[in-house]
Protein backbone atom coordinates (compact mmCIF):
# COMPACT_ATOMS: atom_id res chain seq x y z
CA UNK A 1 0.00 0.00 0.00
CA UNK A 2 1.26 3.47 -0.86
CA UNK A 3 1.95 6.03 1.90
CA UNK A 4 -0.91 8.11 0.56
CA UNK A 5 -3.30 5.17 0.96
CA UNK A 6 -2.15 4.62 4.55
CA UNK A 7 -2.80 8.28 5.32
CA UNK A 8 -6.33 7.98 3.93
CA UNK A 9 -7.05 4.95 6.15
CA UNK A 10 -5.70 6.85 9.16
CA UNK A 11 -7.92 9.83 8.38
CA UNK A 12 -11.00 7.63 8.03
CA UNK A 13 -10.28 5.88 11.33
CA UNK A 14 -9.84 9.19 13.15
CA UNK A 15 -13.02 10.58 11.61
CA UNK A 16 -15.05 7.53 12.68
CA UNK A 17 -13.73 7.81 16.25
CA UNK A 18 -14.58 11.51 16.46
CA UNK A 19 -18.03 10.96 15.01
CA UNK A 20 -18.65 8.39 17.71
CA UNK A 21 -18.02 11.07 20.33
CA UNK A 22 -14.88 9.46 21.78
CA UNK A 23 -11.77 11.37 22.64
CA UNK A 24 -9.17 10.83 19.94
CA UNK A 25 -5.43 11.16 20.21
CA UNK A 26 -3.93 12.61 17.04
CA UNK A 27 -0.32 12.64 15.99
CA UNK A 28 1.29 15.43 14.03
CA UNK A 29 1.21 13.39 10.80
CA UNK A 30 -2.46 12.52 11.28
CA UNK A 31 -3.31 16.20 11.69
CA UNK A 32 -1.41 16.97 8.49
CA UNK A 33 -3.21 14.24 6.56
CA UNK A 34 -6.64 15.32 7.78
CA UNK A 35 -5.91 18.95 6.89
CA UNK A 36 -4.82 17.95 3.36
CA UNK A 37 -7.90 15.80 2.95
CA UNK A 38 -10.35 18.51 4.03
CA UNK A 39 -8.76 21.77 2.91
CA UNK A 40 -10.83 23.38 0.14
CA UNK A 41 -7.90 25.37 -1.23
CA UNK A 42 -5.82 22.21 -1.59
CA UNK A 43 -8.74 20.52 -3.33
CA UNK A 44 -8.94 23.39 -5.83
CA UNK A 45 -5.27 23.05 -6.72
CA UNK A 46 -5.69 19.28 -6.96
CA UNK A 47 -8.48 19.90 -9.46
CA UNK A 48 -6.17 22.22 -11.41
CA UNK A 49 -3.64 19.39 -11.62
CA UNK A 50 -6.38 17.13 -12.97
CA UNK A 51 -7.35 19.79 -15.53
CA UNK A 52 -3.71 20.15 -16.62
CA UNK A 53 -3.60 16.38 -17.14
CA UNK A 54 -6.58 16.62 -19.47
CA UNK A 55 -4.87 19.46 -21.35
CA UNK A 56 -1.86 17.20 -21.86
CA UNK A 57 -4.09 14.48 -23.31
CA UNK A 58 -5.81 17.05 -25.53
CA UNK A 59 -2.43 18.18 -26.87
CA UNK A 60 -1.43 14.57 -27.56
CA UNK A 61 -4.61 14.12 -29.61
CA UNK A 62 -3.18 16.51 -32.23
CA UNK A 63 -0.83 13.71 -33.31
CA UNK A 64 -3.85 11.61 -34.27
CA UNK A 65 -5.76 11.90 -37.59
CA UNK A 66 -9.00 13.86 -37.54
CA UNK A 67 -11.94 11.89 -38.98
CA UNK A 68 -15.31 13.54 -39.41
CA UNK A 69 -18.59 12.75 -41.18
CA UNK A 70 -21.05 15.34 -42.47
CA UNK A 71 -24.53 14.78 -43.90
CA UNK A 72 -26.78 17.32 -45.62
CA UNK A 73 -30.41 17.26 -46.79
CA UNK A 74 -31.88 20.14 -48.81
CA UNK A 75 -35.37 20.65 -50.18
CA UNK A 76 -35.45 23.07 -53.14
CA UNK A 77 -38.54 24.75 -54.57
CA UNK A 78 -37.08 24.99 -58.08
CA UNK A 79 -35.17 22.66 -60.37
CA UNK A 80 -31.85 23.58 -61.94
CA UNK A 81 -31.71 24.10 -65.73
CA UNK A 82 -28.41 23.96 -67.57
CA UNK A 83 -29.84 25.95 -70.53
CA UNK A 84 -30.63 29.65 -70.75
CA UNK A 85 -34.34 30.48 -70.76
CA UNK A 86 -34.32 31.55 -74.45
CA UNK A 87 -32.62 28.38 -75.55
CA UNK A 88 -34.98 26.27 -73.44
CA UNK A 89 -38.04 27.91 -74.99
CA UNK A 90 -36.57 27.52 -78.50
CA UNK A 91 -35.98 23.80 -78.00
CA UNK A 92 -39.43 23.20 -76.53
CA UNK A 93 -41.14 25.08 -79.45
CA UNK A 94 -38.88 23.72 -82.22
CA UNK A 95 -41.78 21.70 -83.73
CA UNK A 96 -44.05 24.72 -84.02
CA UNK A 97 -41.26 26.67 -85.65
CA UNK A 98 -40.53 23.81 -88.07
CA UNK A 99 -44.24 23.50 -88.93
CA UNK A 100 -44.35 27.17 -89.88
CA UNK A 101 -41.26 26.81 -91.99
CA UNK A 102 -42.77 23.74 -93.72
CA UNK A 103 -46.05 25.45 -94.54
CA UNK A 104 -44.27 28.51 -95.82
CA UNK A 105 -41.99 26.38 -97.98
CA UNK A 106 -44.95 24.51 -99.60
CA UNK A 107 -46.69 27.79 -100.35
CA UNK A 108 -43.56 29.20 -101.92
CA UNK A 109 -43.07 25.99 -103.94
CA UNK A 110 -46.68 26.11 -105.23
CA UNK A 111 -46.27 29.72 -106.29
CA UNK A 112 -43.04 28.92 -108.05
CA UNK A 113 -44.63 26.05 -110.00
CA UNK A 114 -47.52 28.26 -111.03
CA UNK A 115 -45.18 30.88 -112.38
CA UNK A 116 -43.12 28.25 -114.14
CA UNK A 117 -46.14 26.71 -115.94
CA UNK A 118 -47.21 30.04 -117.28
CA UNK A 119 -51.00 29.62 -116.95
CA UNK A 120 -53.40 27.90 -114.63
CA UNK A 121 -54.86 25.76 -117.48
CA UNK A 122 -51.47 24.30 -118.21
CA UNK A 123 -50.87 23.73 -114.49
CA UNK A 124 -54.26 22.00 -114.21
CA UNK A 125 -53.50 19.81 -117.20
CA UNK A 126 -50.06 18.96 -115.73
CA UNK A 127 -51.52 18.01 -112.36
CA UNK A 128 -54.22 15.89 -114.01
CA UNK A 129 -51.57 14.07 -115.98
CA UNK A 130 -49.43 13.65 -112.84
CA UNK A 131 -51.86 12.97 -109.92
CA UNK A 132 -48.98 11.76 -107.61
CA UNK A 133 -47.66 15.31 -107.47
CA UNK A 134 -51.00 16.56 -106.23
CA UNK A 135 -51.08 13.79 -103.68
CA UNK A 136 -47.55 14.73 -102.51
CA UNK A 137 -48.50 18.38 -102.10
CA UNK A 138 -51.68 17.39 -100.29
CA UNK A 139 -49.82 15.06 -97.88
CA UNK A 140 -47.12 17.64 -97.24
CA UNK A 141 -49.70 20.33 -96.55
CA UNK A 142 -51.60 18.11 -94.10
CA UNK A 143 -48.48 16.69 -92.35
CA UNK A 144 -48.22 17.73 -88.59
CA UNK A 145 -44.55 17.78 -87.59
CA UNK A 146 -44.97 20.33 -84.80
CA UNK A 147 -46.19 17.83 -82.18
CA UNK A 148 -43.43 15.29 -82.73
CA UNK A 149 -40.61 17.81 -82.84
CA UNK A 150 -42.00 19.70 -79.83
CA UNK A 151 -41.99 16.41 -77.91
CA UNK A 152 -38.40 15.75 -78.89
CA UNK A 153 -37.49 19.32 -77.85
CA UNK A 154 -39.26 18.86 -74.52
CA UNK A 155 -37.31 15.64 -73.91
CA UNK A 156 -34.03 17.39 -74.73
CA UNK A 157 -34.95 20.28 -72.41
CA UNK A 158 -35.78 17.80 -69.61
CA UNK A 159 -32.40 16.18 -70.11
CA UNK A 160 -30.75 19.54 -69.40
CA UNK A 161 -32.91 20.13 -66.29
CA UNK A 162 -31.70 18.73 -62.91
CA UNK A 163 -34.30 17.59 -60.43
CA UNK A 164 -32.91 18.96 -57.18
CA UNK A 165 -36.14 19.19 -55.21
CA UNK A 166 -34.68 16.67 -52.72
CA UNK A 167 -30.91 16.78 -52.42
CA UNK A 168 -28.84 14.46 -50.23
CA UNK A 169 -25.10 14.78 -49.71
CA UNK A 170 -22.57 13.27 -47.33
CA UNK A 171 -18.83 13.36 -46.87
CA UNK A 172 -16.39 11.45 -44.64
CA UNK A 173 -13.11 13.36 -44.25
CA UNK A 174 -9.72 12.40 -42.85
CA UNK A 175 -6.94 14.87 -42.11
CA UNK A 176 -3.51 13.86 -40.91
CA UNK A 177 -0.93 16.56 -40.09
CA UNK A 178 2.51 15.68 -41.40
CA UNK A 179 4.53 18.79 -40.58
CA UNK A 180 3.29 21.99 -38.97
CA UNK A 181 6.61 23.59 -38.13
CA UNK A 182 7.06 21.65 -34.89
CA UNK A 183 3.96 23.23 -33.34
CA UNK A 184 2.39 19.92 -32.24
CA UNK A 185 5.59 18.68 -30.62
CA UNK A 186 6.09 22.00 -28.82
CA UNK A 187 2.45 22.06 -27.70
CA UNK A 188 2.78 18.57 -26.19
CA UNK A 189 5.94 19.54 -24.36
CA UNK A 190 4.29 22.70 -23.10
CA UNK A 191 1.22 20.77 -21.91
CA UNK A 192 3.42 18.34 -19.99
CA UNK A 193 5.37 21.23 -18.46
CA UNK A 194 2.08 22.94 -17.56
CA UNK A 195 0.94 19.79 -15.74
CA UNK A 196 4.20 19.72 -13.77
CA UNK A 197 3.75 23.42 -13.05
CA UNK A 198 0.25 22.74 -11.69
CA UNK A 199 1.72 20.04 -9.43
CA UNK A 200 4.33 22.49 -8.18
CA UNK A 201 1.63 25.07 -7.46
CA UNK A 202 -0.14 22.34 -5.49
CA UNK A 203 3.13 21.65 -3.62
CA UNK A 204 3.38 25.32 -2.63
CA UNK A 205 -0.11 25.25 -1.14
CA UNK A 206 0.66 21.86 0.44
CA UNK A 207 3.75 23.22 2.19
CA UNK A 208 1.94 26.33 3.38
CA UNK A 209 -0.81 24.14 4.85
CA UNK A 210 1.71 21.83 6.53
CA UNK A 211 3.43 24.82 8.15
CA UNK A 212 0.10 26.22 9.33
CA UNK A 213 -0.98 22.89 10.83
CA UNK A 214 2.41 22.30 12.46
CA UNK A 215 2.37 25.73 14.04
CA UNK A 216 -1.16 25.18 15.37
CA UNK A 217 -0.12 21.73 16.65
CA UNK A 218 2.92 22.99 18.53
CA UNK A 219 0.95 25.95 19.84
CA UNK A 220 -1.43 23.48 21.48
CA UNK A 221 1.53 21.54 22.89
CA UNK A 222 2.93 24.80 24.30
CA UNK A 223 -0.38 25.86 25.87
CA UNK A 224 -1.02 22.32 27.20
CA UNK A 225 2.37 22.24 28.90
CA UNK A 226 1.84 25.70 30.34
CA UNK A 227 -1.59 24.60 31.54
CA UNK A 228 0.01 21.63 33.25
CA UNK A 229 2.60 23.99 34.71
CA UNK A 230 -0.14 26.36 35.92
CA UNK A 231 -2.01 23.44 37.52
CA UNK A 232 1.11 22.31 39.36
CA UNK A 233 1.92 25.88 40.38
CA UNK A 234 -1.60 26.47 41.71
CA UNK A 235 -1.55 23.16 43.61
CA UNK A 236 1.82 24.03 45.10
CA UNK A 237 0.66 27.48 46.22
CA UNK A 238 -2.52 26.13 47.75
CA UNK A 239 -0.44 23.59 49.69
CA UNK A 240 1.87 26.43 50.75
CA UNK A 241 -1.17 28.48 51.76
CA UNK A 242 -2.34 25.70 54.08
CA UNK A 243 1.15 25.37 55.59
CA UNK A 244 1.45 29.13 56.15
CA UNK A 245 -2.04 29.27 57.71
CA UNK A 246 -0.98 26.56 60.16
CA UNK A 247 2.25 28.44 60.82
CA UNK A 248 0.28 31.62 61.55
CA UNK A 249 -1.86 29.76 64.05
CA UNK A 250 1.25 28.44 65.73
CA UNK A 251 2.80 31.93 65.74
CA UNK A 252 5.68 30.95 63.48
CA UNK A 253 4.55 33.12 60.52
CA UNK A 254 2.78 36.41 60.31
CA UNK A 255 -0.57 37.29 58.80
CA UNK A 256 1.31 39.29 56.17
CA UNK A 257 3.04 36.09 55.01
CA UNK A 258 -0.31 34.34 54.73
CA UNK A 259 -1.76 37.25 52.76
CA UNK A 260 1.13 37.19 50.28
CA UNK A 261 0.70 33.46 49.70
CA UNK A 262 -3.08 33.86 49.34
CA UNK A 263 -2.61 36.57 46.65
CA UNK A 264 -0.18 34.37 44.73
CA UNK A 265 -2.60 31.43 44.98
CA UNK A 266 -5.38 33.54 43.50
CA UNK A 267 -3.08 34.64 40.70
CA UNK A 268 -2.24 30.98 40.07
CA UNK A 269 -5.96 30.15 39.84
CA UNK A 270 -6.45 32.94 37.29
CA UNK A 271 -3.46 31.61 35.37
CA UNK A 272 -5.14 28.19 35.27
CA UNK A 273 -8.33 29.72 33.85
CA UNK A 274 -6.39 31.54 31.14
CA UNK A 275 -4.48 28.38 30.27
CA UNK A 276 -7.73 26.38 30.04
CA UNK A 277 -9.30 28.99 27.77
CA UNK A 278 -6.14 29.27 25.65
CA UNK A 279 -5.98 25.49 25.21
CA UNK A 280 -9.65 25.35 24.20
CA UNK A 281 -9.22 28.09 21.60
CA UNK A 282 -5.99 26.57 20.25
CA UNK A 283 -7.70 23.19 19.79
CA UNK A 284 -10.67 24.84 18.09
CA UNK A 285 -8.26 26.48 15.62
CA UNK A 286 -6.59 23.15 14.87
CA UNK A 287 -9.98 21.45 14.46
CA UNK A 288 -10.93 24.08 11.91
CA UNK A 289 -7.72 23.50 9.98
CA UNK A 290 -8.04 19.71 9.90
CA UNK A 291 -11.74 19.74 9.04
CA UNK A 292 -13.29 18.63 12.33
CA UNK A 293 -16.16 20.24 14.26
CA UNK A 294 -14.82 23.02 16.45
CA UNK A 295 -16.01 21.36 19.66
CA UNK A 296 -14.36 18.00 18.88
CA UNK A 297 -12.65 16.38 21.85
CA UNK A 298 -9.09 15.82 20.65
CA UNK A 299 -5.80 15.16 22.38
CA UNK A 300 -2.43 15.51 20.73
CA UNK A 301 0.26 12.89 21.13
CA UNK A 302 2.93 15.37 22.22
CA UNK A 303 0.84 17.40 24.67
CA UNK A 304 0.98 14.67 27.29
CA UNK A 305 4.79 14.50 27.25
CA UNK A 306 6.70 15.94 30.19
CA UNK A 307 9.14 17.77 27.91
CA UNK A 308 8.92 19.29 24.46
CA UNK A 309 10.51 16.77 22.06
CA UNK A 310 13.56 17.87 20.13
CA UNK A 311 13.28 17.89 16.34
CA UNK A 312 15.29 15.40 14.33
CA UNK A 313 18.59 16.59 12.96
CA UNK A 314 18.16 17.81 9.40
CA UNK A 315 20.28 16.62 6.54
CA UNK A 316 22.42 19.57 5.51
CA UNK A 317 21.43 19.94 1.89
CA UNK A 318 23.47 21.88 -0.59
CA UNK A 319 21.92 24.94 -2.16
CA UNK A 320 21.51 23.13 -5.48
CA UNK A 321 19.56 20.35 -3.75
CA UNK A 322 17.39 22.94 -2.04
CA UNK A 323 16.72 24.70 -5.35
CA UNK A 324 15.64 21.39 -6.87
CA UNK A 325 13.32 20.61 -3.95
CA UNK A 326 11.73 24.04 -3.58
CA UNK A 327 8.50 24.18 -5.62
CA UNK A 328 8.92 27.93 -6.11
CA UNK A 329 12.19 27.58 -8.03
CA UNK A 330 10.88 24.56 -9.91
CA UNK A 331 7.80 26.57 -10.89
CA UNK A 332 9.90 29.44 -12.22
CA UNK A 333 12.13 27.02 -14.10
CA UNK A 334 9.09 25.29 -15.60
CA UNK A 335 7.59 28.65 -16.53
CA UNK A 336 10.80 29.51 -18.38
CA UNK A 337 10.68 26.18 -20.24
CA UNK A 338 7.04 26.76 -21.12
CA UNK A 339 7.89 30.07 -22.71
CA UNK A 340 10.75 28.38 -24.59
CA UNK A 341 8.11 26.11 -26.12
CA UNK A 342 5.98 29.17 -26.83
CA UNK A 343 8.94 30.47 -28.83
CA UNK A 344 8.87 27.25 -30.87
CA UNK A 345 5.11 27.56 -31.39
CA UNK A 346 5.41 31.18 -32.50
CA UNK A 347 8.29 30.24 -34.82
CA UNK A 348 6.17 27.45 -36.32
CA UNK A 349 3.78 30.06 -37.70
CA UNK A 350 6.58 31.20 -40.02
CA UNK A 351 7.23 27.69 -41.40
CA UNK A 352 5.42 25.62 -44.07
CA UNK A 353 2.63 23.29 -43.00
CA UNK A 354 1.91 19.95 -44.68
CA UNK A 355 -1.13 17.74 -44.16
CA UNK A 356 -2.64 14.67 -45.87
CA UNK A 357 -6.33 14.65 -46.75
CA UNK A 358 -8.75 11.92 -47.84
CA UNK A 359 -12.48 12.21 -48.45
CA UNK A 360 -15.39 10.09 -49.57
CA UNK A 361 -18.25 12.15 -51.08
CA UNK A 362 -21.71 10.72 -51.75
CA UNK A 363 -24.69 12.54 -53.33
CA UNK A 364 -28.25 11.91 -54.37
CA UNK A 365 -29.03 12.73 -57.22
CA UNK A 366 -26.05 10.78 -58.55
CA UNK A 367 -23.81 13.24 -60.38
CA UNK A 368 -21.63 10.58 -61.95
CA UNK A 369 -24.15 8.67 -64.10
CA UNK A 370 -26.44 11.16 -65.79
CA UNK A 371 -28.12 12.81 -62.82
CA UNK A 372 -30.01 9.77 -61.57
CA UNK A 373 -32.08 9.57 -58.38
CA UNK A 374 -29.73 7.23 -56.60
CA UNK A 375 -26.70 7.52 -54.35
CA UNK A 376 -23.30 7.76 -55.97
CA UNK A 377 -19.93 8.68 -54.56
CA UNK A 378 -16.19 8.85 -54.99
CA UNK A 379 -12.93 8.86 -53.05
CA UNK A 380 -10.38 11.63 -53.31
CA UNK A 381 -6.93 12.02 -51.83
CA UNK A 382 -4.64 14.99 -51.61
CA UNK A 383 -1.85 16.88 -49.91
CA UNK A 384 -2.25 20.37 -48.53
CA UNK A 385 0.78 22.63 -48.28
CA UNK A 386 0.50 26.05 -46.68
CA UNK A 387 3.44 28.41 -46.95
CA UNK A 388 3.22 31.73 -45.04
CA UNK A 389 4.67 34.59 -47.05
CA UNK A 390 3.92 37.84 -45.24
CA UNK A 391 1.71 38.64 -42.26
CA UNK A 392 3.02 41.98 -41.09
CA UNK A 393 5.83 40.38 -38.97
CA UNK A 394 3.17 39.05 -36.55
CA UNK A 395 4.83 35.66 -36.01
CA UNK A 396 8.26 37.26 -35.70
CA UNK A 397 7.08 39.63 -32.97
CA UNK A 398 5.30 36.77 -31.18
CA UNK A 399 8.58 34.86 -31.17
CA UNK A 400 10.48 37.83 -29.76
CA UNK A 401 7.84 38.36 -27.08
CA UNK A 402 7.99 34.71 -25.99
CA UNK A 403 11.79 34.93 -25.76
CA UNK A 404 11.49 38.05 -23.60
CA UNK A 405 8.99 36.32 -21.30
CA UNK A 406 11.29 33.30 -20.95
CA UNK A 407 14.15 35.66 -20.03
CA UNK A 408 11.89 37.40 -17.50
CA UNK A 409 11.14 34.16 -15.65
CA UNK A 410 14.80 33.17 -15.60
CA UNK A 411 15.69 36.53 -14.06
CA UNK A 412 12.96 35.99 -11.48
CA UNK A 413 14.36 32.54 -10.72
CA UNK A 414 17.85 33.99 -10.15
CA UNK A 415 16.33 36.50 -7.74
CA UNK A 416 14.34 33.73 -6.01
CA UNK A 417 17.52 31.67 -5.55
CA UNK A 418 19.20 34.60 -3.82
CA UNK A 419 16.21 35.02 -1.50
CA UNK A 420 16.09 31.29 -0.75
CA UNK A 421 19.81 31.30 0.04
CA UNK A 422 19.28 34.21 2.42
CA UNK A 423 16.22 32.56 4.00
CA UNK A 424 17.91 29.20 4.58
CA UNK A 425 21.04 30.82 5.99
CA UNK A 426 18.98 32.96 8.36
CA UNK A 427 16.85 30.01 9.55
CA UNK A 428 19.90 27.82 10.10
CA UNK A 429 21.44 30.51 12.30
CA UNK A 430 18.13 30.92 14.12
CA UNK A 431 18.07 27.16 14.68
CA UNK A 432 21.55 27.27 16.23
CA UNK A 433 20.41 30.16 18.43
CA UNK A 434 17.26 28.23 19.39
CA UNK A 435 19.32 25.19 20.44
CA UNK A 436 21.55 27.44 22.53
CA UNK A 437 18.52 29.20 24.01
CA UNK A 438 16.99 25.82 24.91
CA UNK A 439 20.23 24.70 26.55
CA UNK A 440 20.41 27.89 28.63
CA UNK A 441 16.71 27.63 29.52
CA UNK A 442 17.28 24.05 30.70
CA UNK A 443 20.20 25.16 32.86
CA UNK A 444 18.12 27.99 34.33
CA UNK A 445 15.27 25.58 34.98
CA UNK A 446 17.59 23.16 36.82
CA UNK A 447 18.86 26.02 38.98
CA UNK A 448 15.34 27.32 39.64
CA UNK A 449 14.19 23.78 40.47
CA UNK A 450 16.99 23.38 43.05
CA UNK A 451 16.31 26.86 44.44
CA UNK A 452 12.60 26.07 44.78
CA UNK A 453 13.36 22.74 46.50
CA UNK A 454 15.65 24.30 49.09
CA UNK A 455 13.23 27.22 49.64
CA UNK A 456 10.32 24.83 50.19
CA UNK A 457 12.33 22.83 52.73
CA UNK A 458 13.46 26.01 54.46
CA UNK A 459 9.86 27.30 54.63
CA UNK A 460 8.67 23.99 56.12
CA UNK A 461 11.45 24.14 58.74
CA UNK A 462 10.75 27.81 59.46
CA UNK A 463 14.19 29.06 58.57
CA UNK A 464 13.10 30.88 55.38
CA UNK A 465 10.32 33.49 55.25
CA UNK A 466 7.30 33.02 53.01
CA UNK A 467 8.19 35.82 50.63
CA UNK A 468 11.53 34.15 49.87
CA UNK A 469 9.78 30.86 49.16
CA UNK A 470 7.26 32.69 46.94
CA UNK A 471 10.08 34.33 45.03
CA UNK A 472 11.67 30.92 44.47
CA UNK A 473 8.33 29.51 43.24
CA UNK A 474 7.83 32.48 40.89
CA UNK A 475 11.36 32.11 39.54
CA UNK A 476 10.76 28.40 38.96
CA UNK A 477 7.49 29.18 37.14
CA UNK A 478 9.24 31.75 34.94
CA UNK A 479 12.16 29.43 34.18
CA UNK A 480 9.86 26.53 33.34
CA UNK A 481 7.74 28.75 31.12
CA UNK A 482 10.84 30.00 29.30
CA UNK A 483 12.00 26.40 28.86
CA UNK A 484 8.67 25.51 27.24
CA UNK A 485 8.86 28.60 25.03
CA UNK A 486 12.41 27.69 23.96
CA UNK A 487 11.34 24.15 23.04
CA UNK A 488 8.35 25.40 21.04
CA UNK A 489 10.48 28.06 19.36
CA UNK A 490 12.90 25.36 18.28
CA UNK A 491 10.05 23.31 16.86
CA UNK A 492 8.58 26.33 15.06
CA UNK A 493 11.97 27.20 13.63
CA UNK A 494 12.38 23.61 12.52
CA UNK A 495 9.03 23.79 10.72
CA UNK A 496 10.07 26.90 8.83
CA UNK A 497 13.48 25.45 8.04
CA UNK A 498 11.93 22.23 6.76
CA UNK A 499 9.79 24.28 4.40
CA UNK A 500 12.69 26.50 3.35
CA UNK A 501 14.74 23.40 2.48
CA UNK A 502 11.86 21.85 0.53
CA UNK A 503 11.54 18.82 2.78
CA UNK A 504 7.73 18.78 2.87
CA UNK A 505 6.86 16.67 -0.16
CA UNK A 506 3.35 15.99 -1.41
CA UNK A 507 2.31 12.71 -3.01
CA UNK A 508 2.81 14.36 -6.42
CA UNK A 509 6.41 15.09 -5.54
CA UNK A 510 6.92 11.54 -4.25
CA UNK A 511 5.39 10.12 -7.43
CA UNK A 512 7.73 12.21 -9.61
CA UNK A 513 10.72 11.07 -7.56
CA UNK A 514 9.61 7.46 -7.98
CA UNK A 515 9.25 7.94 -11.74
CA UNK A 516 12.77 9.36 -11.92
CA UNK A 517 14.11 6.45 -9.85
CA UNK A 518 12.32 3.91 -12.05
CA UNK A 519 13.66 5.54 -15.22
CA UNK A 520 17.22 5.26 -13.92
CA UNK A 521 16.91 1.53 -13.20
């Protein structure tokens, strides 16, 4: 099971226990996991990572051929004629025109024969001697050629008229890019870099949340220890108050001594109340951050310890290792690489583009066999080449702008490295100071503890006045409180140093490290 899966099981178990109303003891890691699981801001950045993953898949799809199918149906109110209107009318009325020409020709022929014969008597005698000529003229005069020729003309006109009242068409197209100036390759690289950038943005929010939860956790530990200290201090003063009251009755101590102890006891009681309230508010803040109801009854693992635990010694990373682990510097580096790919994309607009095309076109009416009412189609293949010639230097200026943006992010990364160097150096020195402060606080506490012990014995034996014993108790309380503060300060500094060194790694970061390790094997 992956570490992330174990964290989820831990979160679910803690949630079930809290929902059952039982007091639950939470470790620092469990609080972190619950905060990550329930933080809305983290969930938003996790969604952005998911969206960037889809963008990467979308960019990869540009390598694939594009296949599409389109269908069209049209109803037209008029047919389409391939002939002009005058020509169409002439063809349809060709028989009528021919009939007129025929009749006119027979009349002209009859007149010519009459003139040639010289007289009507001779013409009559000629026709009587040749009756077949009269029969020929009679048949020719009665012959109706208009109807037949008009029908033929109508058929020819119909042949040049397309019936497009119902038109069906469909096409299946395939386009495969061959070369687009490297734009597809650059877009895929940029999409992958954008996904890594989204993960780094998630890591930044992840680290900020871890620091916030850790600070709230150690604040509770600090207040819980001070509450325990206040309880012990109040108990001690009330015991001292009873001893001084007995000593006053026996005449060993004065009423003034009893009054001083009583005032200190009241102050100790007020200190207990403040500690109780502070602990309640600190736990409510942590509950809010880890997604639990504010009134949840929780106990932290480290708040029951007698001493603040020391943080583990940190591996002293080199600056280059820190730069590699800090999501801020990785984000700036990725941003610079993204703009390098934008340069390639802008440059691709100035290069030729080549693509393969294939289509299958089908129509009804069939255009390939005499305009028939049936489906007919054909395949076609081709190559498209697009060569940009001049576009007002648009692509050139886009390229220059992308180069300038890439330079800008690299300058920002150099500045960020200087700030990180300064931050890590400062926190390391603060950590050394915190260790020294804790050591001195421990020594002061040991001295105050011995002073309090001897003062308590002296007060019980009557050789030390009450005000001296109270001063020893107050000094012990102050020294113990400073010791707690020093321990918490060391833990807080350790939290900030861990973040500054990039040691808080999300599951995305762990997955990327695992991928790198697998690739090297």
